[in-house]
Amino acid sequence: MKIGITYDLRSDYLNEGYSPEETAEFDKESTIEGIEQAIITAGHSTERIGNAQSLMKKLLAGDRWDLVFNIAEGLYGEGRESLVPTLLDTYKIAYTFSGPVTLGVSLNKAFAKQIVRDSHVNTPAFVVVAQLSDIEKVNLEYPLFAKPISEGTGKGIDSMSKITSREQLKKVCFNLLQRFNQPVLVEEYLPGREFTVGVLGTGEQAWVPGAMEIVYKRAQDEIYSYENKENYEDVVDYVAAEGEQLEACKKIALDAWRALNCLDGGRVDVKIDKHGKMSFIEVNPLAGLNPVSSDLPILCSLNGVSYQEIIDAILKSAIQRNFNN
């Protein structure tokens, strides 16, 4: 099978003058190399396509692939993660991972939370602050937690994200609205242990290869921020979840995964609430796949699942969905 690979290469954007934070979700060359080698090991040929603009040029030139392995995140707009799958749908080309609707909904954390909440998945109460006047309708129990509604990789999250007063809420929301030019998700703070959960497969065939707890080395670092994610080796320890905690992680992750119609593979972030129950934070249907530094490969490795097995499972799920129906 001829498999194209779509991605946003971080170095390309850095060379164009974008900042490290603006390019935080994009991939290193080592990620593309790792995916490409794993696809070849699985018995397929590969072609590097690149970002959405490169894909458009190749499609217009008549290039085609049996399947596209898509990890392109996009740069601008609420539909940035949906652009590549939408283009591929237009040309009836199969691809890995979720479709444009799921990617668009999942990027907007409030939309995703509404769906999982209505599917009876535990998630903290929340309000969307699109303008400062919306703070008047925030009637939640403090402490609160605020973050941009459509960012990943901890962008916009820092020590100020945990909020204990109305005055602090106004200040944080003002800064986030100005800085990211998008609404702010404000939710009740989850005080308990924090986990990220891997999911592989689709629908009823989806399964959890493992979960890991995020354990902070210093109390003052206990926010999974952009800075902490960039410097994770110095800030956190990753510990494989076991026993009852693992089972709770599995259940909530799979319930959320299926509610949002996520496909093939990704991650679900969860945390324990004030009542001791596991609670949904957000889903990442385009999870990072760097063999060494991304959460999904790390948690799989802690649970005895190799990088090759991750890529094999993703390909198996995508091929079954697209060609074996």
C-alpha atoms as a PDB file:
ATOM      1  CA  MET A   1       0.000   0.000   0.000  1.00  0.00           C
ATOM      2  CA  LYS A   2       1.265   3.502  -0.875  1.00  0.00           C
ATOM      3  CA  ILE A   3       0.888   5.713   2.203  1.00  0.00           C
ATOM      4  CA  GLY A   4       1.391   9.468   2.120  1.00  0.00           C
ATOM      5  CA  ILE A   5       2.266  11.372   5.300  1.00  0.00           C
ATOM      6  CA  THR A   6       0.814  14.818   6.048  1.00  0.00           C
ATOM      7  CA  TYR A   7       2.330  16.905   8.838  1.00  0.00           C
ATOM      8  CA  ASP A   8       3.425  20.373   9.921  1.00  0.00           C
ATOM      9  CA  LEU A   9       7.192  20.419  10.405  1.00  0.00           C
ATOM     10  CA  ARG A  10       8.120  22.705  13.285  1.00  0.00           C
ATOM     11  CA  SER A  11      11.452  23.794  11.818  1.00  0.00           C
ATOM     12  CA  ASP A  12       9.737  25.064   8.659  1.00  0.00           C
ATOM     13  CA  TYR A  13       7.600  27.485  10.676  1.00  0.00           C
ATOM     14  CA  LEU A  14      10.458  28.522  12.971  1.00  0.00           C
ATOM     15  CA  ASN A  15      12.483  29.373   9.854  1.00  0.00           C
ATOM     16  CA  GLU A  16       9.591  31.582   8.714  1.00  0.00           C
ATOM     17  CA  GLY A  17       9.798  33.571  11.958  1.00  0.00           C
ATOM     18  CA  TYR A  18       7.070  31.981  14.055  1.00  0.00           C
ATOM     19  CA  SER A  19       7.795  31.673  17.787  1.00  0.00           C
ATOM     20  CA  PRO A  20       8.486  28.416  19.691  1.00  0.00           C
ATOM     21  CA  GLU A  21       5.084  28.724  21.410  1.00  0.00           C
ATOM     22  CA  GLU A  22       3.225  29.337  18.125  1.00  0.00           C
ATOM     23  CA  THR A  23       4.796  26.172  16.693  1.00  0.00           C
ATOM     24  CA  ALA A  24       4.523  24.059  19.858  1.00  0.00           C
ATOM     25  CA  GLU A  25       2.012  21.608  18.366  1.00  0.00           C
ATOM     26  CA  PHE A  26       4.057  20.960  15.235  1.00  0.00           C
ATOM     27  CA  ASP A  27       6.352  18.006  14.651  1.00  0.00           C
ATOM     28  CA  LYS A  28      10.078  17.471  14.736  1.00  0.00           C
ATOM     29  CA  GLU A  29      11.933  15.746  11.911  1.00  0.00           C
ATOM     30  CA  SER A  30      12.503  12.802  14.267  1.00  0.00           C
ATOM     31  CA  THR A  31       8.721  12.318  14.547  1.00  0.00           C
ATOM     32  CA  ILE A  32       8.297  12.069  10.781  1.00  0.00           C
ATOM     33  CA  GLU A  33      11.277   9.712  10.561  1.00  0.00           C
ATOM     34  CA  GLY A  34       9.838   7.503  13.284  1.00  0.00           C
ATOM     35  CA  ILE A  35       6.402   7.268  11.683  1.00  0.00           C
ATOM     36  CA  GLU A  36       7.867   6.698   8.214  1.00  0.00           C
ATOM     37  CA  GLN A  37      10.137   3.884   9.391  1.00  0.00           C
ATOM     38  CA  ALA A  38       7.313   2.194  11.290  1.00  0.00           C
ATOM     39  CA  ILE A  39       5.042   2.334   8.222  1.00  0.00           C
ATOM     40  CA  ILE A  40       7.810   0.809   6.081  1.00  0.00           C
ATOM     41  CA  THR A  41       8.401  -1.894   8.699  1.00  0.00           C
ATOM     42  CA  ALA A  42       4.676  -2.653   8.521  1.00  0.00           C
ATOM     43  CA  GLY A  43       5.166  -3.474   4.824  1.00  0.00           C
ATOM     44  CA  HIS A  44       4.065  -0.303   3.047  1.00  0.00           C
ATOM     45  CA  SER A  45       5.757   2.340   0.904  1.00  0.00           C
ATOM     46  CA  THR A  46       5.695   6.002   1.959  1.00  0.00           C
ATOM     47  CA  GLU A  47       5.712   9.487   0.477  1.00  0.00           C
ATOM     48  CA  ARG A  48       6.194  12.639   2.510  1.00  0.00           C
ATOM     49  CA  ILE A  49       3.483  15.127   1.578  1.00  0.00           C
ATOM     50  CA  GLY A  50       3.918  17.842   4.220  1.00  0.00           C
ATOM     51  CA  ASN A  51       1.392  20.463   5.275  1.00  0.00           C
ATOM     52  CA  ALA A  52      -2.019  21.408   3.895  1.00  0.00           C
ATOM     53  CA  GLN A  53      -0.570  23.719   1.245  1.00  0.00           C
ATOM     54  CA  SER A  54       1.740  20.972  -0.007  1.00  0.00           C
ATOM     55  CA  LEU A  55      -1.168  18.543  -0.042  1.00  0.00           C
ATOM     56  CA  MET A  56      -3.258  20.937  -2.146  1.00  0.00           C
ATOM     57  CA  LYS A  57      -0.455  21.337  -4.686  1.00  0.00           C
ATOM     58  CA  LYS A  58       0.025  17.588  -4.981  1.00  0.00           C
ATOM     59  CA  LEU A  59      -3.696  16.893  -5.295  1.00  0.00           C
ATOM     60  CA  LEU A  60      -4.045  19.501  -8.054  1.00  0.00           C
ATOM     61  CA  ALA A  61      -1.033  17.944  -9.809  1.00  0.00           C
ATOM     62  CA  GLY A  62      -2.832  14.588  -9.827  1.00  0.00           C
ATOM     63  CA  ASP A  63      -0.884  12.827  -7.053  1.00  0.00           C
ATOM     64  CA  ARG A  64      -2.794  10.116  -5.193  1.00  0.00           C
ATOM     65  CA  TRP A  65      -2.190   7.627  -2.366  1.00  0.00           C
ATOM     66  CA  ASP A  66      -3.960   4.526  -1.114  1.00  0.00           C
ATOM     67  CA  LEU A  67      -3.991   5.981   2.395  1.00  0.00           C
ATOM     68  CA  VAL A  68      -2.698   9.141   4.068  1.00  0.00           C
ATOM     69  CA  PHE A  69      -1.215   9.053   7.564  1.00  0.00           C
ATOM     70  CA  ASN A  70      -2.360  12.456   8.773  1.00  0.00           C
ATOM     71  CA  ILE A  71      -0.821  14.306  11.718  1.00  0.00           C
ATOM     72  CA  ALA A  72      -1.151  17.849  10.286  1.00  0.00           C
ATOM     73  CA  GLU A  73      -2.370  20.284  12.966  1.00  0.00           C
ATOM     74  CA  GLY A  74      -2.709  23.464  10.882  1.00  0.00           C
ATOM     75  CA  LEU A  75      -1.782  26.973  11.941  1.00  0.00           C
ATOM     76  CA  TYR A  76      -4.824  29.279  11.864  1.00  0.00           C
ATOM     77  CA  GLY A  77      -8.514  29.144  12.712  1.00  0.00           C
ATOM     78  CA  GLU A  78     -10.969  26.888  14.467  1.00  0.00           C
ATOM     79  CA  GLY A  79     -10.944  24.472  11.523  1.00  0.00           C
ATOM     80  CA  ARG A  80      -7.171  24.155  11.244  1.00  0.00           C
ATOM     81  CA  GLU A  81      -7.054  20.481  12.202  1.00  0.00           C
ATOM     82  CA  SER A  82      -9.983  19.730   9.886  1.00  0.00           C
ATOM     83  CA  LEU A  83      -8.426  21.115   6.700  1.00  0.00           C
ATOM     84  CA  VAL A  84      -6.363  18.089   5.650  1.00  0.00           C
ATOM     85  CA  PRO A  85      -9.102  15.475   6.219  1.00  0.00           C
ATOM     86  CA  THR A  86     -11.617  17.708   4.432  1.00  0.00           C
ATOM     87  CA  LEU A  87      -9.334  17.957   1.396  1.00  0.00           C
ATOM     88  CA  LEU A  88      -8.797  14.203   1.420  1.00  0.00           C
ATOM     89  CA  ASP A  89     -12.555  13.586   1.702  1.00  0.00           C
ATOM     90  CA  THR A  90     -13.046  15.818  -1.339  1.00  0.00           C
ATOM     91  CA  TYR A  91     -10.809  13.504  -3.380  1.00  0.00           C
ATOM     92  CA  LYS A  92     -12.121  10.313  -1.716  1.00  0.00           C
ATOM     93  CA  ILE A  93      -8.698   9.442  -0.319  1.00  0.00           C
ATOM     94  CA  ALA A  94      -8.632   7.387   2.870  1.00  0.00           C
ATOM     95  CA  TYR A  95      -6.683   8.639   5.882  1.00  0.00           C
ATOM     96  CA  THR A  96      -5.816   7.782   9.464  1.00  0.00           C
ATOM     97  CA  PHE A  97      -7.407   9.334  12.529  1.00  0.00           C
ATOM     98  CA  SER A  98     -10.610  11.257  12.997  1.00  0.00           C
ATOM     99  CA  GLY A  99     -12.601  13.117  10.394  1.00  0.00           C
ATOM    100  CA  PRO A 100     -13.094  16.887  10.068  1.00  0.00           C
ATOM    101  CA  VAL A 101     -16.182  17.120  12.290  1.00  0.00           C
ATOM    102  CA  THR A 102     -14.608  15.300  15.228  1.00  0.00           C
ATOM    103  CA  LEU A 103     -11.353  17.249  14.885  1.00  0.00           C
ATOM    104  CA  GLY A 104     -13.208  20.564  14.774  1.00  0.00           C
ATOM    105  CA  VAL A 105     -15.404  19.732  17.747  1.00  0.00           C
ATOM    106  CA  SER A 106     -12.519  18.339  19.809  1.00  0.00           C
ATOM    107  CA  LEU A 107     -10.341  21.392  19.186  1.00  0.00           C
ATOM    108  CA  ASN A 108     -13.055  23.498  20.825  1.00  0.00           C
ATOM    109  CA  LYS A 109     -12.829  22.251  24.412  1.00  0.00           C
ATOM    110  CA  ALA A 110     -16.303  23.516  25.340  1.00  0.00           C
ATOM    111  CA  PHE A 111     -17.982  21.757  22.407  1.00  0.00           C
ATOM    112  CA  ALA A 112     -16.219  18.520  23.344  1.00  0.00           C
ATOM    113  CA  LYS A 113     -17.215  18.874  27.002  1.00  0.00           C
ATOM    114  CA  GLN A 114     -20.852  19.494  26.064  1.00  0.00           C
ATOM    115  CA  ILE A 115     -20.959  16.252  24.085  1.00  0.00           C
ATOM    116  CA  VAL A 116     -19.235  14.110  26.706  1.00  0.00           C
ATOM    117  CA  ARG A 117     -21.353  15.673  29.488  1.00  0.00           C
ATOM    118  CA  ASP A 118     -24.538  14.884  27.560  1.00  0.00           C
ATOM    119  CA  SER A 119     -23.203  11.348  27.095  1.00  0.00           C
ATOM    120  CA  HIS A 120     -23.098  11.036  30.906  1.00  0.00           C
ATOM    121  CA  VAL A 121     -19.310  11.258  31.158  1.00  0.00           C
ATOM    122  CA  ASN A 122     -18.119  13.076  34.287  1.00  0.00           C
ATOM    123  CA  THR A 123     -16.564  16.476  33.506  1.00  0.00           C
ATOM    124  CA  PRO A 124     -16.257  19.654  35.610  1.00  0.00           C
ATOM    125  CA  ALA A 125     -18.878  22.399  35.362  1.00  0.00           C
ATOM    126  CA  PHE A 126     -17.765  25.176  33.004  1.00  0.00           C
ATOM    127  CA  VAL A 127     -18.580  28.508  31.389  1.00  0.00           C
ATOM    128  CA  VAL A 128     -17.243  30.017  28.161  1.00  0.00           C
ATOM    129  CA  VAL A 129     -15.978  33.604  28.450  1.00  0.00           C
ATOM    130  CA  ALA A 130     -15.994  35.103  24.962  1.00  0.00           C
ATOM    131  CA  GLN A 131     -15.848  38.701  26.231  1.00  0.00           C
ATOM    132  CA  LEU A 132     -15.185  40.249  29.640  1.00  0.00           C
ATOM    133  CA  SER A 133     -18.886  40.874  30.278  1.00  0.00           C
ATOM    134  CA  ASP A 134     -19.416  37.078  30.246  1.00  0.00           C
ATOM    135  CA  ILE A 135     -17.609  36.889  33.590  1.00  0.00           C
ATOM    136  CA  GLU A 136     -20.835  38.132  35.204  1.00  0.00           C
ATOM    137  CA  LYS A 137     -22.510  34.813  34.344  1.00  0.00           C
ATOM    138  CA  VAL A 138     -19.738  32.698  35.885  1.00  0.00           C
ATOM    139  CA  ASN A 139     -21.486  31.037  38.812  1.00  0.00           C
ATOM    140  CA  LEU A 140     -19.044  28.247  39.581  1.00  0.00           C
ATOM    141  CA  GLU A 141     -17.412  27.058  42.781  1.00  0.00           C
ATOM    142  CA  TYR A 142     -13.867  28.352  43.346  1.00  0.00           C
ATOM    143  CA  PRO A 143     -11.094  27.534  42.732  1.00  0.00           C
ATOM    144  CA  LEU A 144     -11.486  27.726  38.970  1.00  0.00           C
ATOM    145  CA  PHE A 145      -9.205  26.934  36.053  1.00  0.00           C
ATOM    146  CA  ALA A 146      -8.998  29.031  32.876  1.00  0.00           C
ATOM    147  CA  LYS A 147      -7.423  28.269  29.492  1.00  0.00           C
ATOM    148  CA  PRO A 148      -7.855  29.184  25.810  1.00  0.00           C
ATOM    149  CA  ILE A 149     -10.731  27.257  24.301  1.00  0.00           C
ATOM    150  CA  SER A 150      -8.888  25.947  21.223  1.00  0.00           C
ATOM    151  CA  GLU A 151      -5.194  25.506  22.012  1.00  0.00           C
ATOM    152  CA  GLY A 152      -3.090  22.440  22.765  1.00  0.00           C
ATOM    153  CA  THR A 153       0.311  21.548  24.213  1.00  0.00           C
ATOM    154  CA  GLY A 154      -0.464  23.555  27.353  1.00  0.00           C
ATOM    155  CA  LYS A 155      -0.498  26.881  25.478  1.00  0.00           C
ATOM    156  CA  GLY A 156      -1.990  29.650  27.603  1.00  0.00           C
ATOM    157  CA  ILE A 157      -1.690  27.588  30.787  1.00  0.00           C
ATOM    158  CA  ASP A 158       0.630  28.677  33.597  1.00  0.00           C
ATOM    159  CA  SER A 159       0.698  29.214  37.359  1.00  0.00           C
ATOM    160  CA  MET A 160      -2.008  31.892  37.019  1.00  0.00           C
ATOM    161  CA  SER A 161      -4.484  29.470  35.430  1.00  0.00           C
ATOM    162  CA  LYS A 162      -5.735  28.306  38.833  1.00  0.00           C
ATOM    163  CA  ILE A 163      -8.036  31.081  40.036  1.00  0.00           C
ATOM    164  CA  THR A 164      -9.292  31.818  43.555  1.00  0.00           C
ATOM    165  CA  SER A 165     -11.165  35.138  43.207  1.00  0.00           C
ATOM    166  CA  ARG A 166     -13.419  37.116  40.877  1.00  0.00           C
ATOM    167  CA  GLU A 167     -10.753  39.793  40.519  1.00  0.00           C
ATOM    168  CA  GLN A 168      -8.160  37.220  39.465  1.00  0.00           C
ATOM    169  CA  LEU A 169     -10.662  35.690  37.035  1.00  0.00           C
ATOM    170  CA  LYS A 170     -11.128  39.063  35.324  1.00  0.00           C
ATOM    171  CA  LYS A 171      -7.377  39.597  35.033  1.00  0.00           C
ATOM    172  CA  VAL A 172      -6.627  36.128  33.658  1.00  0.00           C
ATOM    173  CA  CYS A 173      -9.506  36.185  31.178  1.00  0.00           C
ATOM    174  CA  PHE A 174      -8.526  39.657  29.955  1.00  0.00           C
ATOM    175  CA  ASN A 175      -4.961  38.484  29.323  1.00  0.00           C
ATOM    176  CA  LEU A 176      -6.023  35.283  27.551  1.00  0.00           C
ATOM    177  CA  LEU A 177      -8.614  37.052  25.375  1.00  0.00           C
ATOM    178  CA  GLN A 178      -6.016  39.601  24.298  1.00  0.00           C
ATOM    179  CA  ARG A 179      -3.190  37.122  23.790  1.00  0.00           C
ATOM    180  CA  PHE A 180      -4.990  34.331  21.934  1.00  0.00           C
ATOM    181  CA  ASN A 181      -7.939  36.185  20.352  1.00  0.00           C
ATOM    182  CA  GLN A 182     -10.360  33.387  21.201  1.00  0.00           C
ATOM    183  CA  PRO A 183     -12.817  32.560  24.014  1.00  0.00           C
ATOM    184  CA  VAL A 184     -11.640  31.278  27.380  1.00  0.00           C
ATOM    185  CA  LEU A 185     -12.864  28.055  28.944  1.00  0.00           C
ATOM    186  CA  VAL A 186     -13.447  28.523  32.676  1.00  0.00           C
ATOM    187  CA  GLU A 187     -14.172  25.378  34.670  1.00  0.00           C
ATOM    188  CA  GLU A 188     -14.182  24.209  38.242  1.00  0.00           C
ATOM    189  CA  TYR A 189     -10.692  23.146  39.267  1.00  0.00           C
ATOM    190  CA  LEU A 190      -9.999  19.430  39.653  1.00  0.00           C
ATOM    191  CA  PRO A 191      -7.831  18.943  42.772  1.00  0.00           C
ATOM    192  CA  GLY A 192      -6.956  15.253  42.427  1.00  0.00           C
ATOM    193  CA  ARG A 193      -4.412  13.064  40.664  1.00  0.00           C
ATOM    194  CA  GLU A 194      -3.885  13.642  36.923  1.00  0.00           C
ATOM    195  CA  PHE A 195      -3.605  11.019  34.185  1.00  0.00           C
ATOM    196  CA  THR A 196      -3.320  10.807  30.431  1.00  0.00           C
ATOM    197  CA  VAL A 197      -4.849   7.765  28.774  1.00  0.00           C
ATOM    198  CA  GLY A 198      -3.936   6.185  25.448  1.00  0.00           C
ATOM    199  CA  VAL A 199      -6.633   4.888  23.121  1.00  0.00           C
ATOM    200  CA  LEU A 200      -6.106   2.765  20.000  1.00  0.00           C
ATOM    201  CA  GLY A 201      -8.785   1.660  17.572  1.00  0.00           C
ATOM    202  CA  THR A 202     -12.283   2.787  16.675  1.00  0.00           C
ATOM    203  CA  GLY A 203     -15.765   2.381  18.134  1.00  0.00           C
ATOM    204  CA  GLU A 204     -16.391  -0.858  19.959  1.00  0.00           C
ATOM    205  CA  GLN A 205     -12.951  -2.100  18.838  1.00  0.00           C
ATOM    206  CA  ALA A 206     -11.214   0.790  20.625  1.00  0.00           C
ATOM    207  CA  TRP A 207      -9.000  -0.237  23.533  1.00  0.00           C
ATOM    208  CA  VAL A 208      -6.674   1.331  26.080  1.00  0.00           C
ATOM    209  CA  PRO A 209      -3.000   0.254  25.846  1.00  0.00           C
ATOM    210  CA  GLY A 210      -2.293   2.015  29.134  1.00  0.00           C
ATOM    211  CA  ALA A 211      -2.455   5.209  31.147  1.00  0.00           C
ATOM    212  CA  MET A 212       0.129   7.178  33.069  1.00  0.00           C
ATOM    213  CA  GLU A 213      -0.067   9.492  36.046  1.00  0.00           C
ATOM    214  CA  ILE A 214       1.607  12.888  35.824  1.00  0.00           C
ATOM    215  CA  VAL A 215       3.504  13.309  39.086  1.00  0.00           C
ATOM    216  CA  TYR A 216       5.133  16.692  39.695  1.00  0.00           C
ATOM    217  CA  LYS A 217       8.571  16.748  41.277  1.00  0.00           C
ATOM    218  CA  ARG A 218       7.880  20.092  43.010  1.00  0.00           C
ATOM    219  CA  ALA A 219       4.581  21.328  44.422  1.00  0.00           C
ATOM    220  CA  GLN A 220       4.944  24.734  42.746  1.00  0.00           C
ATOM    221  CA  ASP A 221       4.983  23.067  39.305  1.00  0.00           C
ATOM    222  CA  GLU A 222       1.612  21.302  39.655  1.00  0.00           C
ATOM    223  CA  ILE A 223       0.101  22.759  36.482  1.00  0.00           C
ATOM    224  CA  TYR A 224       0.645  20.849  33.206  1.00  0.00           C
ATOM    225  CA  SER A 225       1.597  24.056  31.400  1.00  0.00           C
ATOM    226  CA  TYR A 226       3.312  24.738  28.098  1.00  0.00           C
ATOM    227  CA  GLU A 227       6.609  25.312  29.928  1.00  0.00           C
ATOM    228  CA  ASN A 228       6.286  22.119  31.941  1.00  0.00           C
ATOM    229  CA  LYS A 229       5.441  20.069  28.853  1.00  0.00           C
ATOM    230  CA  GLU A 230       8.449  21.490  27.009  1.00  0.00           C
ATOM    231  CA  ASN A 231      10.723  20.636  29.976  1.00  0.00           C
ATOM    232  CA  TYR A 232       8.932  17.503  31.171  1.00  0.00           C
ATOM    233  CA  GLU A 233      12.108  15.566  32.004  1.00  0.00           C
ATOM    234  CA  ASP A 234      13.041  18.097  34.689  1.00  0.00           C
ATOM    235  CA  VAL A 235       9.549  18.768  36.026  1.00  0.00           C
ATOM    236  CA  VAL A 236       7.485  15.562  36.076  1.00  0.00           C
ATOM    237  CA  ASP A 237       7.711  11.845  36.567  1.00  0.00           C
ATOM    238  CA  TYR A 238       5.464   9.610  34.494  1.00  0.00           C
ATOM    239  CA  VAL A 239       4.115   6.589  36.367  1.00  0.00           C
ATOM    240  CA  ALA A 240       2.070   3.773  34.828  1.00  0.00           C
ATOM    241  CA  ALA A 241      -1.468   3.638  36.232  1.00  0.00           C
ATOM    242  CA  GLU A 242      -2.494   0.352  37.801  1.00  0.00           C
ATOM    243  CA  GLY A 243      -5.425  -1.353  39.500  1.00  0.00           C
ATOM    244  CA  GLU A 244      -8.574   0.608  40.219  1.00  0.00           C
ATOM    245  CA  GLN A 245      -7.092   3.856  38.899  1.00  0.00           C
ATOM    246  CA  LEU A 246      -6.300   2.233  35.559  1.00  0.00           C
ATOM    247  CA  GLU A 247      -9.792   0.769  35.286  1.00  0.00           C
ATOM    248  CA  ALA A 248     -11.340   4.183  36.026  1.00  0.00           C
ATOM    249  CA  CYS A 249      -9.071   5.749  33.397  1.00  0.00           C
ATOM    250  CA  LYS A 250     -10.069   3.115  30.833  1.00  0.00           C
ATOM    251  CA  LYS A 251     -13.785   3.569  31.344  1.00  0.00           C
ATOM    252  CA  ILE A 252     -13.928   7.350  31.135  1.00  0.00           C
ATOM    253  CA  ALA A 253     -11.453   7.488  28.221  1.00  0.00           C
ATOM    254  CA  LEU A 254     -13.357   4.952  26.119  1.00  0.00           C
ATOM    255  CA  ASP A 255     -16.737   6.531  26.926  1.00  0.00           C
ATOM    256  CA  ALA A 256     -15.447   9.961  25.828  1.00  0.00           C
ATOM    257  CA  TRP A 257     -13.644   8.501  22.785  1.00  0.00           C
ATOM    258  CA  ARG A 258     -16.807   6.850  21.507  1.00  0.00           C
ATOM    259  CA  ALA A 259     -19.042   9.809  22.342  1.00  0.00           C
ATOM    260  CA  LEU A 260     -16.895  12.077  20.160  1.00  0.00           C
ATOM    261  CA  ASN A 261     -16.516   9.475  17.366  1.00  0.00           C
ATOM    262  CA  CYS A 262     -12.721   9.526  17.553  1.00  0.00           C
ATOM    263  CA  LEU A 263     -10.926   7.112  15.248  1.00  0.00           C
ATOM    264  CA  ASP A 264      -7.778   4.950  15.180  1.00  0.00           C
ATOM    265  CA  GLY A 265      -5.736   6.406  18.038  1.00  0.00           C
ATOM    266  CA  GLY A 266      -5.138   9.300  20.396  1.00  0.00           C
ATOM    267  CA  ARG A 267      -5.201  10.382  24.030  1.00  0.00           C
ATOM    268  CA  VAL A 268      -7.725  11.403  26.656  1.00  0.00           C
ATOM    269  CA  ASP A 269      -6.670  13.588  29.609  1.00  0.00           C
ATOM    270  CA  VAL A 270      -8.433  12.969  32.922  1.00  0.00           C
ATOM    271  CA  LYS A 271      -8.163  14.088  36.546  1.00  0.00           C
ATOM    272  CA  ILE A 272      -9.832  13.201  39.836  1.00  0.00           C
ATOM    273  CA  ASP A 273     -12.460  15.677  41.043  1.00  0.00           C
ATOM    274  CA  LYS A 274     -13.253  16.845  44.581  1.00  0.00           C
ATOM    275  CA  HIS A 275     -15.590  13.880  45.060  1.00  0.00           C
ATOM    276  CA  GLY A 276     -12.872  11.352  44.215  1.00  0.00           C
ATOM    277  CA  LYS A 277     -14.325  10.526  40.786  1.00  0.00           C
ATOM    278  CA  MET A 278     -12.352  10.395  37.550  1.00  0.00           C
ATOM    279  CA  SER A 279     -13.254  13.376  35.375  1.00  0.00           C
ATOM    280  CA  PHE A 280     -12.785  14.148  31.672  1.00  0.00           C
ATOM    281  CA  ILE A 281     -10.572  17.140  30.851  1.00  0.00           C
ATOM    282  CA  GLU A 282     -10.070  16.943  27.086  1.00  0.00           C
ATOM    283  CA  VAL A 283      -9.406  14.618  24.178  1.00  0.00           C
ATOM    284  CA  ASN A 284      -6.506  14.720  21.716  1.00  0.00           C
ATOM    285  CA  PRO A 285      -7.548  12.873  18.545  1.00  0.00           C
ATOM    286  CA  LEU A 286      -4.307  13.952  16.820  1.00  0.00           C
ATOM    287  CA  ALA A 287      -1.906  12.983  19.596  1.00  0.00           C
ATOM    288  CA  GLY A 288       1.835  13.579  19.297  1.00  0.00           C
ATOM    289  CA  LEU A 289       3.766  10.600  17.950  1.00  0.00           C
ATOM    290  CA  ASN A 290       7.402  11.422  18.598  1.00  0.00           C
ATOM    291  CA  PRO A 291       8.915   8.033  19.521  1.00  0.00           C
ATOM    292  CA  VAL A 292      10.785   9.486  22.515  1.00  0.00           C
ATOM    293  CA  SER A 293       9.058  12.597  23.851  1.00  0.00           C
ATOM    294  CA  SER A 294       5.313  12.355  23.086  1.00  0.00           C
ATOM    295  CA  ASP A 295       2.877  11.298  25.795  1.00  0.00           C
ATOM    296  CA  LEU A 296       1.194   8.486  23.844  1.00  0.00           C
ATOM    297  CA  PRO A 297       4.432   6.586  23.033  1.00  0.00           C
ATOM    298  CA  ILE A 298       5.719   7.227  26.577  1.00  0.00           C
ATOM    299  CA  LEU A 299       2.622   5.834  28.283  1.00  0.00           C
ATOM    300  CA  CYS A 300       2.517   2.882  25.876  1.00  0.00           C
ATOM    301  CA  SER A 301       6.182   2.119  26.587  1.00  0.00           C
ATOM    302  CA  LEU A 302       5.479   2.183  30.353  1.00  0.00           C
ATOM    303  CA  ASN A 303       2.799  -0.418  29.706  1.00  0.00           C
ATOM    304  CA  GLY A 304       4.839  -2.717  27.448  1.00  0.00           C
ATOM    305  CA  VAL A 305       3.479  -1.518  24.084  1.00  0.00           C
ATOM    306  CA  SER A 306       6.176  -0.634  21.556  1.00  0.00           C
ATOM    307  CA  TYR A 307       6.169   2.275  19.117  1.00  0.00           C
ATOM    308  CA  GLN A 308       5.866  -0.161  16.217  1.00  0.00           C
ATOM    309  CA  GLU A 309       2.790  -1.704  17.852  1.00  0.00           C
ATOM    310  CA  ILE A 310       1.208   1.751  18.146  1.00  0.00           C
ATOM    311  CA  ILE A 311       1.652   2.492  14.432  1.00  0.00           C
ATOM    312  CA  ASP A 312       0.564  -1.043  13.507  1.00  0.00           C
ATOM    313  CA  ALA A 313      -2.646  -0.625  15.527  1.00  0.00           C
ATOM    314  CA  ILE A 314      -3.403   2.777  13.974  1.00  0.00           C
ATOM    315  CA  LEU A 315      -2.886   1.439  10.452  1.00  0.00           C
ATOM    316  CA  LYS A 316      -4.939  -1.689  11.170  1.00  0.00           C
ATOM    317  CA  SER A 317      -7.852   0.401  12.431  1.00  0.00           C
ATOM    318  CA  ALA A 318      -7.706   2.833   9.467  1.00  0.00           C
ATOM    319  CA  ILE A 319      -7.407   0.067   6.879  1.00  0.00           C
ATOM    320  CA  GLN A 320     -10.280  -1.881   8.422  1.00  0.00           C
ATOM    321  CA  ARG A 321     -12.512   1.205   8.479  1.00  0.00           C
ATOM    322  CA  ASN A 322     -11.775   2.226   4.907  1.00  0.00           C
ATOM    323  CA  PHE A 323     -11.231  -1.010   3.002  1.00  0.00           C
ATOM    324  CA  ASN A 324     -12.727  -3.949   4.908  1.00  0.00           C
ATOM    325  CA  ASN A 325     -16.306  -2.803   5.422  1.00  0.00           C
END
